[in-house]
Amino acid sequence: MSMPEEPAPLGVGRTPTGRAEVDGLLGRLADADHLPADGHAEVYEDVHRGLKSALTSLDARPAAAPGPGPVPAPSYDTHDNRS
């Protein structure tokens, strides 16, 4: 019977999101590369909590200022009433 291989990085590339908090959490997933499988759940749960918190904070932000209102209808008669 052969011994199981040591944990090794998968080498999966990540595209930055532009949000430092989210990028840091996604970077934390690489920690699981160096752990045995039974240690992955703790990393995944930690990252999940962080991402959930980041999403919740987006909902808590104040709404953006409203843009310009609707364009009012012209006040003159737009129908040509010629016979």
PDB file of N, CA and C in Angstrom:
ATOM      1  N   MET A   1       0.861  -1.178   0.000  1.00  0.00           N
ATOM      2  CA  MET A   1       0.000   0.000   0.000  1.00  0.00           C
ATOM      3  C   MET A   1       0.901   1.233   0.000  1.00  0.00           C
ATOM      4  N   SER A   2       0.638   2.162  -0.889  1.00  0.00           N
ATOM      5  CA  SER A   2       1.468   3.368  -0.967  1.00  0.00           C
ATOM      6  C   SER A   2       0.924   4.444  -0.030  1.00  0.00           C
ATOM      7  N   MET A   3       1.809   5.326   0.370  1.00  0.00           N
ATOM      8  CA  MET A   3       1.435   6.439   1.253  1.00  0.00           C
ATOM      9  C   MET A   3       0.746   7.518   0.421  1.00  0.00           C
ATOM     10  N   PRO A   4      -0.242   8.204   0.999  1.00  0.00           N
ATOM     11  CA  PRO A   4      -0.894   9.295   0.254  1.00  0.00           C
ATOM     12  C   PRO A   4       0.105  10.422   0.002  1.00  0.00           C
ATOM     13  N   GLU A   5      -0.106  11.109  -1.101  1.00  0.00           N
ATOM     14  CA  GLU A   5       0.757  12.233  -1.451  1.00  0.00           C
ATOM     15  C   GLU A   5       0.524  13.389  -0.491  1.00  0.00           C
ATOM     16  N   GLU A   6       1.539  14.215  -0.350  1.00  0.00           N
ATOM     17  CA  GLU A   6       1.430  15.423   0.467  1.00  0.00           C
ATOM     18  C   GLU A   6       0.482  16.405  -0.219  1.00  0.00           C
ATOM     19  N   PRO A   7      -0.191  17.265   0.551  1.00  0.00           N
ATOM     20  CA  PRO A   7      -1.037  18.293  -0.066  1.00  0.00           C
ATOM     21  C   PRO A   7      -0.194  19.162  -0.996  1.00  0.00           C
ATOM     22  N   ALA A   8      -0.762  19.524  -2.124  1.00  0.00           N
ATOM     23  CA  ALA A   8      -0.050  20.352  -3.104  1.00  0.00           C
ATOM     24  C   ALA A   8      -0.994  21.408  -3.651  1.00  0.00           C
ATOM     25  N   PRO A   9      -0.464  22.596  -3.941  1.00  0.00           N
ATOM     26  CA  PRO A   9      -1.301  23.653  -4.510  1.00  0.00           C
ATOM     27  C   PRO A   9      -1.899  23.216  -5.844  1.00  0.00           C
ATOM     28  N   LEU A  10      -3.117  23.655  -6.088  1.00  0.00           N
ATOM     29  CA  LEU A  10      -3.777  23.333  -7.349  1.00  0.00           C
ATOM     30  C   LEU A  10      -3.331  24.256  -8.475  1.00  0.00           C
ATOM     31  N   GLY A  11      -2.801  25.411  -8.112  1.00  0.00           N
ATOM     32  CA  GLY A  11      -2.339  26.345  -9.133  1.00  0.00           C
ATOM     33  C   GLY A  11      -3.473  27.032  -9.875  1.00  0.00           C
ATOM     34  N   VAL A  12      -4.611  27.169  -9.238  1.00  0.00           N
ATOM     35  CA  VAL A  12      -5.756  27.836  -9.866  1.00  0.00           C
ATOM     36  C   VAL A  12      -5.555  29.340  -9.768  1.00  0.00           C
ATOM     37  N   GLY A  13      -5.588  30.009 -10.900  1.00  0.00           N
ATOM     38  CA  GLY A  13      -5.425  31.464 -10.919  1.00  0.00           C
ATOM     39  C   GLY A  13      -6.672  32.171 -10.424  1.00  0.00           C
ATOM     40  N   ARG A  14      -6.465  33.348  -9.863  1.00  0.00           N
ATOM     41  CA  ARG A  14      -7.589  34.159  -9.389  1.00  0.00           C
ATOM     42  C   ARG A  14      -7.532  35.509 -10.062  1.00  0.00           C
ATOM     43  N   THR A  15      -8.671  36.008 -10.466  1.00  0.00           N
ATOM     44  CA  THR A  15      -8.779  37.343 -11.034  1.00  0.00           C
ATOM     45  C   THR A  15      -9.166  38.295  -9.917  1.00  0.00           C
ATOM     46  N   PRO A  16      -8.393  39.366  -9.704  1.00  0.00           N
ATOM     47  CA  PRO A  16      -8.738  40.321  -8.645  1.00  0.00           C
ATOM     48  C   PRO A  16     -10.128  40.915  -8.877  1.00  0.00           C
ATOM     49  N   THR A  17     -10.849  41.114  -7.789  1.00  0.00           N
ATOM     50  CA  THR A  17     -12.197  41.678  -7.873  1.00  0.00           C
ATOM     51  C   THR A  17     -12.185  43.197  -7.794  1.00  0.00           C
ATOM     52  N   GLY A  18     -11.066  43.753  -7.292  1.00  0.00           N
ATOM     53  CA  GLY A  18     -11.012  45.197  -7.085  1.00  0.00           C
ATOM     54  C   GLY A  18     -11.466  45.599  -5.693  1.00  0.00           C
ATOM     55  N   ARG A  19     -11.904  44.650  -4.912  1.00  0.00           N
ATOM     56  CA  ARG A  19     -12.314  44.909  -3.525  1.00  0.00           C
ATOM     57  C   ARG A  19     -11.319  44.177  -2.633  1.00  0.00           C
ATOM     58  N   ALA A  20     -10.502  44.946  -1.901  1.00  0.00           N
ATOM     59  CA  ALA A  20      -9.415  44.374  -1.105  1.00  0.00           C
ATOM     60  C   ALA A  20      -9.909  43.312  -0.125  1.00  0.00           C
ATOM     61  N   GLU A  21     -11.041  43.566   0.514  1.00  0.00           N
ATOM     62  CA  GLU A  21     -11.575  42.608   1.493  1.00  0.00           C
ATOM     63  C   GLU A  21     -11.878  41.265   0.829  1.00  0.00           C
ATOM     64  N   VAL A  22     -12.539  41.314  -0.314  1.00  0.00           N
ATOM     65  CA  VAL A  22     -12.913  40.089  -1.028  1.00  0.00           C
ATOM     66  C   VAL A  22     -11.668  39.396  -1.578  1.00  0.00           C
ATOM     67  N   ASP A  23     -10.745  40.168  -2.147  1.00  0.00           N
ATOM     68  CA  ASP A  23      -9.520  39.573  -2.681  1.00  0.00           C
ATOM     69  C   ASP A  23      -8.725  38.874  -1.584  1.00  0.00           C
ATOM     70  N   GLY A  24      -8.680  39.471  -0.397  1.00  0.00           N
ATOM     71  CA  GLY A  24      -7.985  38.846   0.725  1.00  0.00           C
ATOM     72  C   GLY A  24      -8.624  37.532   1.133  1.00  0.00           C
ATOM     73  N   LEU A  25      -9.949  37.516   1.147  1.00  0.00           N
ATOM     74  CA  LEU A  25     -10.663  36.282   1.503  1.00  0.00           C
ATOM     75  C   LEU A  25     -10.428  35.194   0.460  1.00  0.00           C
ATOM     76  N   LEU A  26     -10.471  35.571  -0.804  1.00  0.00           N
ATOM     77  CA  LEU A  26     -10.230  34.585  -1.851  1.00  0.00           C
ATOM     78  C   LEU A  26      -8.792  34.081  -1.799  1.00  0.00           C
ATOM     79  N   GLY A  27      -7.870  34.956  -1.436  1.00  0.00           N
ATOM     80  CA  GLY A  27      -6.483  34.544  -1.264  1.00  0.00           C
ATOM     81  C   GLY A  27      -6.333  33.536  -0.136  1.00  0.00           C
ATOM     82  N   ARG A  28      -7.177  33.660   0.858  1.00  0.00           N
ATOM     83  CA  ARG A  28      -7.141  32.729   2.001  1.00  0.00           C
ATOM     84  C   ARG A  28      -7.465  31.308   1.562  1.00  0.00           C
ATOM     85  N   LEU A  29      -8.195  31.153   0.470  1.00  0.00           N
ATOM     86  CA  LEU A  29      -8.500  29.807  -0.018  1.00  0.00           C
ATOM     87  C   LEU A  29      -7.221  29.029  -0.330  1.00  0.00           C
ATOM     88  N   ALA A  30      -6.157  29.738  -0.702  1.00  0.00           N
ATOM     89  CA  ALA A  30      -4.885  29.072  -0.997  1.00  0.00           C
ATOM     90  C   ALA A  30      -4.324  28.384   0.242  1.00  0.00           C
ATOM     91  N   ASP A  31      -4.736  28.819   1.436  1.00  0.00           N
ATOM     92  CA  ASP A  31      -4.279  28.166   2.667  1.00  0.00           C
ATOM     93  C   ASP A  31      -4.692  26.694   2.688  1.00  0.00           C
ATOM     94  N   ALA A  32      -5.817  26.396   2.069  1.00  0.00           N
ATOM     95  CA  ALA A  32      -6.300  25.014   2.058  1.00  0.00           C
ATOM     96  C   ALA A  32      -5.392  24.114   1.225  1.00  0.00           C
ATOM     97  N   ASP A  33      -4.647  24.697   0.283  1.00  0.00           N
ATOM     98  CA  ASP A  33      -3.751  23.902  -0.561  1.00  0.00           C
ATOM     99  C   ASP A  33      -2.702  23.154   0.253  1.00  0.00           C
ATOM    100  N   HIS A  34      -2.332  23.693   1.387  1.00  0.00           N
ATOM    101  CA  HIS A  34      -1.240  23.125   2.172  1.00  0.00           C
ATOM    102  C   HIS A  34      -1.738  22.313   3.366  1.00  0.00           C
ATOM    103  N   LEU A  35      -3.038  22.107   3.429  1.00  0.00           N
ATOM    104  CA  LEU A  35      -3.627  21.365   4.551  1.00  0.00           C
ATOM    105  C   LEU A  35      -4.127  20.007   4.083  1.00  0.00           C
ATOM    106  N   PRO A  36      -4.164  19.040   4.980  1.00  0.00           N
ATOM    107  CA  PRO A  36      -4.833  17.788   4.627  1.00  0.00           C
ATOM    108  C   PRO A  36      -6.331  18.062   4.442  1.00  0.00           C
ATOM    109  N   ALA A  37      -7.004  17.185   3.752  1.00  0.00           N
ATOM    110  CA  ALA A  37      -8.420  17.395   3.413  1.00  0.00           C
ATOM    111  C   ALA A  37      -9.279  17.707   4.628  1.00  0.00           C
ATOM    112  N   ASP A  38      -8.989  17.107   5.779  1.00  0.00           N
ATOM    113  CA  ASP A  38      -9.835  17.360   6.946  1.00  0.00           C
ATOM    114  C   ASP A  38      -9.657  18.776   7.500  1.00  0.00           C
ATOM    115  N   GLY A  39      -8.691  19.531   7.013  1.00  0.00           N
ATOM    116  CA  GLY A  39      -8.515  20.915   7.438  1.00  0.00           C
ATOM    117  C   GLY A  39      -9.145  21.925   6.496  1.00  0.00           C
ATOM    118  N   HIS A  40      -9.634  21.458   5.355  1.00  0.00           N
ATOM    119  CA  HIS A  40     -10.216  22.366   4.364  1.00  0.00           C
ATOM    120  C   HIS A  40     -11.490  23.035   4.857  1.00  0.00           C
ATOM    121  N   ALA A  41     -12.325  22.296   5.559  1.00  0.00           N
ATOM    122  CA  ALA A  41     -13.627  22.826   5.981  1.00  0.00           C
ATOM    123  C   ALA A  41     -13.471  24.098   6.804  1.00  0.00           C
ATOM    124  N   GLU A  42     -12.504  24.141   7.697  1.00  0.00           N
ATOM    125  CA  GLU A  42     -12.315  25.332   8.529  1.00  0.00           C
ATOM    126  C   GLU A  42     -11.979  26.552   7.675  1.00  0.00           C
ATOM    127  N   VAL A  43     -11.109  26.369   6.680  1.00  0.00           N
ATOM    128  CA  VAL A  43     -10.746  27.481   5.793  1.00  0.00           C
ATOM    129  C   VAL A  43     -11.967  27.911   4.989  1.00  0.00           C
ATOM    130  N   TYR A  44     -12.678  26.955   4.403  1.00  0.00           N
ATOM    131  CA  TYR A  44     -13.849  27.283   3.584  1.00  0.00           C
ATOM    132  C   TYR A  44     -14.924  27.997   4.398  1.00  0.00           C
ATOM    133  N   GLU A  45     -15.154  27.540   5.617  1.00  0.00           N
ATOM    134  CA  GLU A  45     -16.164  28.182   6.468  1.00  0.00           C
ATOM    135  C   GLU A  45     -15.746  29.600   6.835  1.00  0.00           C
ATOM    136  N   ASP A  46     -14.469  29.801   7.102  1.00  0.00           N
ATOM    137  CA  ASP A  46     -13.962  31.133   7.423  1.00  0.00           C
ATOM    138  C   ASP A  46     -14.140  32.075   6.233  1.00  0.00           C
ATOM    139  N   VAL A  47     -13.778  31.602   5.048  1.00  0.00           N
ATOM    140  CA  VAL A  47     -13.928  32.421   3.838  1.00  0.00           C
ATOM    141  C   VAL A  47     -15.405  32.689   3.572  1.00  0.00           C
ATOM    142  N   HIS A  48     -16.247  31.692   3.741  1.00  0.00           N
ATOM    143  CA  HIS A  48     -17.686  31.868   3.521  1.00  0.00           C
ATOM    144  C   HIS A  48     -18.254  32.937   4.446  1.00  0.00           C
ATOM    145  N   ARG A  49     -17.870  32.882   5.734  1.00  0.00           N
ATOM    146  CA  ARG A  49     -18.348  33.900   6.686  1.00  0.00           C
ATOM    147  C   ARG A  49     -17.914  35.291   6.233  1.00  0.00           C
ATOM    148  N   GLY A  50     -16.667  35.416   5.815  1.00  0.00           N
ATOM    149  CA  GLY A  50     -16.163  36.716   5.387  1.00  0.00           C
ATOM    150  C   GLY A  50     -16.869  37.240   4.151  1.00  0.00           C
ATOM    151  N   LEU A  51     -17.089  36.366   3.163  1.00  0.00           N
ATOM    152  CA  LEU A  51     -17.783  36.790   1.944  1.00  0.00           C
ATOM    153  C   LEU A  51     -19.237  37.152   2.241  1.00  0.00           C
ATOM    154  N   LYS A  52     -19.865  36.393   3.111  1.00  0.00           N
ATOM    155  CA  LYS A  52     -21.252  36.695   3.499  1.00  0.00           C
ATOM    156  C   LYS A  52     -21.315  38.056   4.181  1.00  0.00           C
ATOM    157  N   SER A  53     -20.356  38.337   5.041  1.00  0.00           N
ATOM    158  CA  SER A  53     -20.300  39.628   5.722  1.00  0.00           C
ATOM    159  C   SER A  53     -20.090  40.763   4.719  1.00  0.00           C
ATOM    160  N   ALA A  54     -19.220  40.537   3.736  1.00  0.00           N
ATOM    161  CA  ALA A  54     -18.967  41.561   2.715  1.00  0.00           C
ATOM    162  C   ALA A  54     -20.235  41.844   1.915  1.00  0.00           C
ATOM    163  N   LEU A  55     -20.976  40.804   1.565  1.00  0.00           N
ATOM    164  CA  LEU A  55     -22.230  41.001   0.828  1.00  0.00           C
ATOM    165  C   LEU A  55     -23.268  41.714   1.681  1.00  0.00           C
ATOM    166  N   THR A  56     -23.354  41.351   2.949  1.00  0.00           N
ATOM    167  CA  THR A  56     -24.306  41.993   3.854  1.00  0.00           C
ATOM    168  C   THR A  56     -23.991  43.475   3.989  1.00  0.00           C
ATOM    169  N   SER A  57     -22.709  43.820   4.037  1.00  0.00           N
ATOM    170  CA  SER A  57     -22.339  45.230   4.175  1.00  0.00           C
ATOM    171  C   SER A  57     -22.742  46.028   2.941  1.00  0.00           C
ATOM    172  N   LEU A  58     -22.796  45.392   1.778  1.00  0.00           N
ATOM    173  CA  LEU A  58     -23.257  46.093   0.576  1.00  0.00           C
ATOM    174  C   LEU A  58     -24.725  46.478   0.710  1.00  0.00           C
ATOM    175  N   ASP A  59     -25.521  45.602   1.318  1.00  0.00           N
ATOM    176  CA  ASP A  59     -26.942  45.890   1.524  1.00  0.00           C
ATOM    177  C   ASP A  59     -27.146  46.997   2.544  1.00  0.00           C
ATOM    178  N   ALA A  60     -26.198  47.172   3.454  1.00  0.00           N
ATOM    179  CA  ALA A  60     -26.345  48.151   4.526  1.00  0.00           C
ATOM    180  C   ALA A  60     -25.919  49.555   4.110  1.00  0.00           C
ATOM    181  N   ARG A  61     -25.296  49.685   2.961  1.00  0.00           N
ATOM    182  CA  ARG A  61     -24.856  51.007   2.509  1.00  0.00           C
ATOM    183  C   ARG A  61     -26.058  51.875   2.165  1.00  0.00           C
ATOM    184  N   PRO A  62     -25.930  53.196   2.381  1.00  0.00           N
ATOM    185  CA  PRO A  62     -27.037  54.081   2.001  1.00  0.00           C
ATOM    186  C   PRO A  62     -27.224  54.076   0.489  1.00  0.00           C
ATOM    187  N   ALA A  63     -28.453  54.256   0.093  1.00  0.00           N
ATOM    188  CA  ALA A  63     -28.770  54.286  -1.337  1.00  0.00           C
ATOM    189  C   ALA A  63     -28.118  55.496  -1.987  1.00  0.00           C
ATOM    190  N   ALA A  64     -27.787  55.354  -3.236  1.00  0.00           N
ATOM    191  CA  ALA A  64     -27.196  56.459  -3.988  1.00  0.00           C
ATOM    192  C   ALA A  64     -28.228  57.569  -4.146  1.00  0.00           C
ATOM    193  N   ALA A  65     -27.746  58.780  -4.285  1.00  0.00           N
ATOM    194  CA  ALA A  65     -28.643  59.920  -4.488  1.00  0.00           C
ATOM    195  C   ALA A  65     -29.417  59.705  -5.782  1.00  0.00           C
ATOM    196  N   PRO A  66     -30.700  60.017  -5.767  1.00  0.00           N
ATOM    197  CA  PRO A  66     -31.494  59.819  -6.981  1.00  0.00           C
ATOM    198  C   PRO A  66     -31.003  60.724  -8.103  1.00  0.00           C
ATOM    199  N   GLY A  67     -31.106  60.221  -9.293  1.00  0.00           N
ATOM    200  CA  GLY A  67     -30.719  60.986 -10.477  1.00  0.00           C
ATOM    201  C   GLY A  67     -31.820  61.972 -10.840  1.00  0.00           C
ATOM    202  N   PRO A  68     -31.698  62.581 -11.984  1.00  0.00           N
ATOM    203  CA  PRO A  68     -32.737  63.531 -12.406  1.00  0.00           C
ATOM    204  C   PRO A  68     -34.080  62.821 -12.561  1.00  0.00           C
ATOM    205  N   GLY A  69     -35.131  63.547 -12.290  1.00  0.00           N
ATOM    206  CA  GLY A  69     -36.475  62.985 -12.367  1.00  0.00           C
ATOM    207  C   GLY A  69     -36.911  62.782 -13.806  1.00  0.00           C
ATOM    208  N   PRO A  70     -38.144  62.314 -13.987  1.00  0.00           N
ATOM    209  CA  PRO A  70     -38.656  62.095 -15.339  1.00  0.00           C
ATOM    210  C   PRO A  70     -38.806  63.416 -16.084  1.00  0.00           C
ATOM    211  N   VAL A  71     -38.714  63.339 -17.379  1.00  0.00           N
ATOM    212  CA  VAL A  71     -38.875  64.529 -18.220  1.00  0.00           C
ATOM    213  C   VAL A  71     -40.360  64.860 -18.283  1.00  0.00           C
ATOM    214  N   PRO A  72     -40.739  66.101 -17.925  1.00  0.00           N
ATOM    215  CA  PRO A  72     -42.167  66.458 -17.957  1.00  0.00           C
ATOM    216  C   PRO A  72     -42.691  66.500 -19.391  1.00  0.00           C
ATOM    217  N   ALA A  73     -43.984  66.229 -19.521  1.00  0.00           N
ATOM    218  CA  ALA A  73     -44.630  66.291 -20.834  1.00  0.00           C
ATOM    219  C   ALA A  73     -44.718  67.744 -21.275  1.00  0.00           C
ATOM    220  N   PRO A  74     -44.662  67.984 -22.574  1.00  0.00           N
ATOM    221  CA  PRO A  74     -44.766  69.373 -23.054  1.00  0.00           C
ATOM    222  C   PRO A  74     -46.115  69.966 -22.663  1.00  0.00           C
ATOM    223  N   SER A  75     -46.129  71.258 -22.369  1.00  0.00           N
ATOM    224  CA  SER A  75     -47.359  71.916 -21.932  1.00  0.00           C
ATOM    225  C   SER A  75     -48.189  72.424 -23.109  1.00  0.00           C
ATOM    226  N   TYR A  76     -47.680  72.349 -24.304  1.00  0.00           N
ATOM    227  CA  TYR A  76     -48.439  72.803 -25.465  1.00  0.00           C
ATOM    228  C   TYR A  76     -49.143  71.612 -26.104  1.00  0.00           C
ATOM    229  N   ASP A  77     -50.152  71.916 -26.934  1.00  0.00           N
ATOM    230  CA  ASP A  77     -50.920  70.872 -27.599  1.00  0.00           C
ATOM    231  C   ASP A  77     -50.052  70.236 -28.682  1.00  0.00           C
ATOM    232  N   THR A  78     -49.862  68.953 -28.592  1.00  0.00           N
ATOM    233  CA  THR A  78     -49.007  68.269 -29.565  1.00  0.00           C
ATOM    234  C   THR A  78     -49.793  67.726 -30.749  1.00  0.00           C
ATOM    235  N   HIS A  79     -51.103  67.892 -30.742  1.00  0.00           N
ATOM    236  CA  HIS A  79     -51.931  67.388 -31.850  1.00  0.00           C
ATOM    237  C   HIS A  79     -52.253  68.527 -32.802  1.00  0.00           C
ATOM    238  N   ASP A  80     -52.134  68.255 -34.051  1.00  0.00           N
ATOM    239  CA  ASP A  80     -52.484  69.240 -35.075  1.00  0.00           C
ATOM    240  C   ASP A  80     -53.970  69.046 -35.367  1.00  0.00           C
ATOM    241  N   ASN A  81     -54.797  70.037 -35.018  1.00  0.00           N
ATOM    242  CA  ASN A  81     -56.252  69.917 -35.142  1.00  0.00           C
ATOM    243  C   ASN A  81     -56.783  70.517 -36.434  1.00  0.00           C
ATOM    244  N   ARG A  82     -55.981  70.570 -37.476  1.00  0.00           N
ATOM    245  CA  ARG A  82     -56.479  71.114 -38.739  1.00  0.00           C
ATOM    246  C   ARG A  82     -57.436  70.135 -39.388  1.00  0.00           C
ATOM    247  N   SER A  83     -58.451  70.671 -40.065  1.00  0.00           N
ATOM    248  CA  SER A  83     -59.415  69.827 -40.765  1.00  0.00           C
ATOM    249  C   SER A  83     -59.035  69.671 -42.197  1.00  0.00           C
TER     250      SER A  83
END
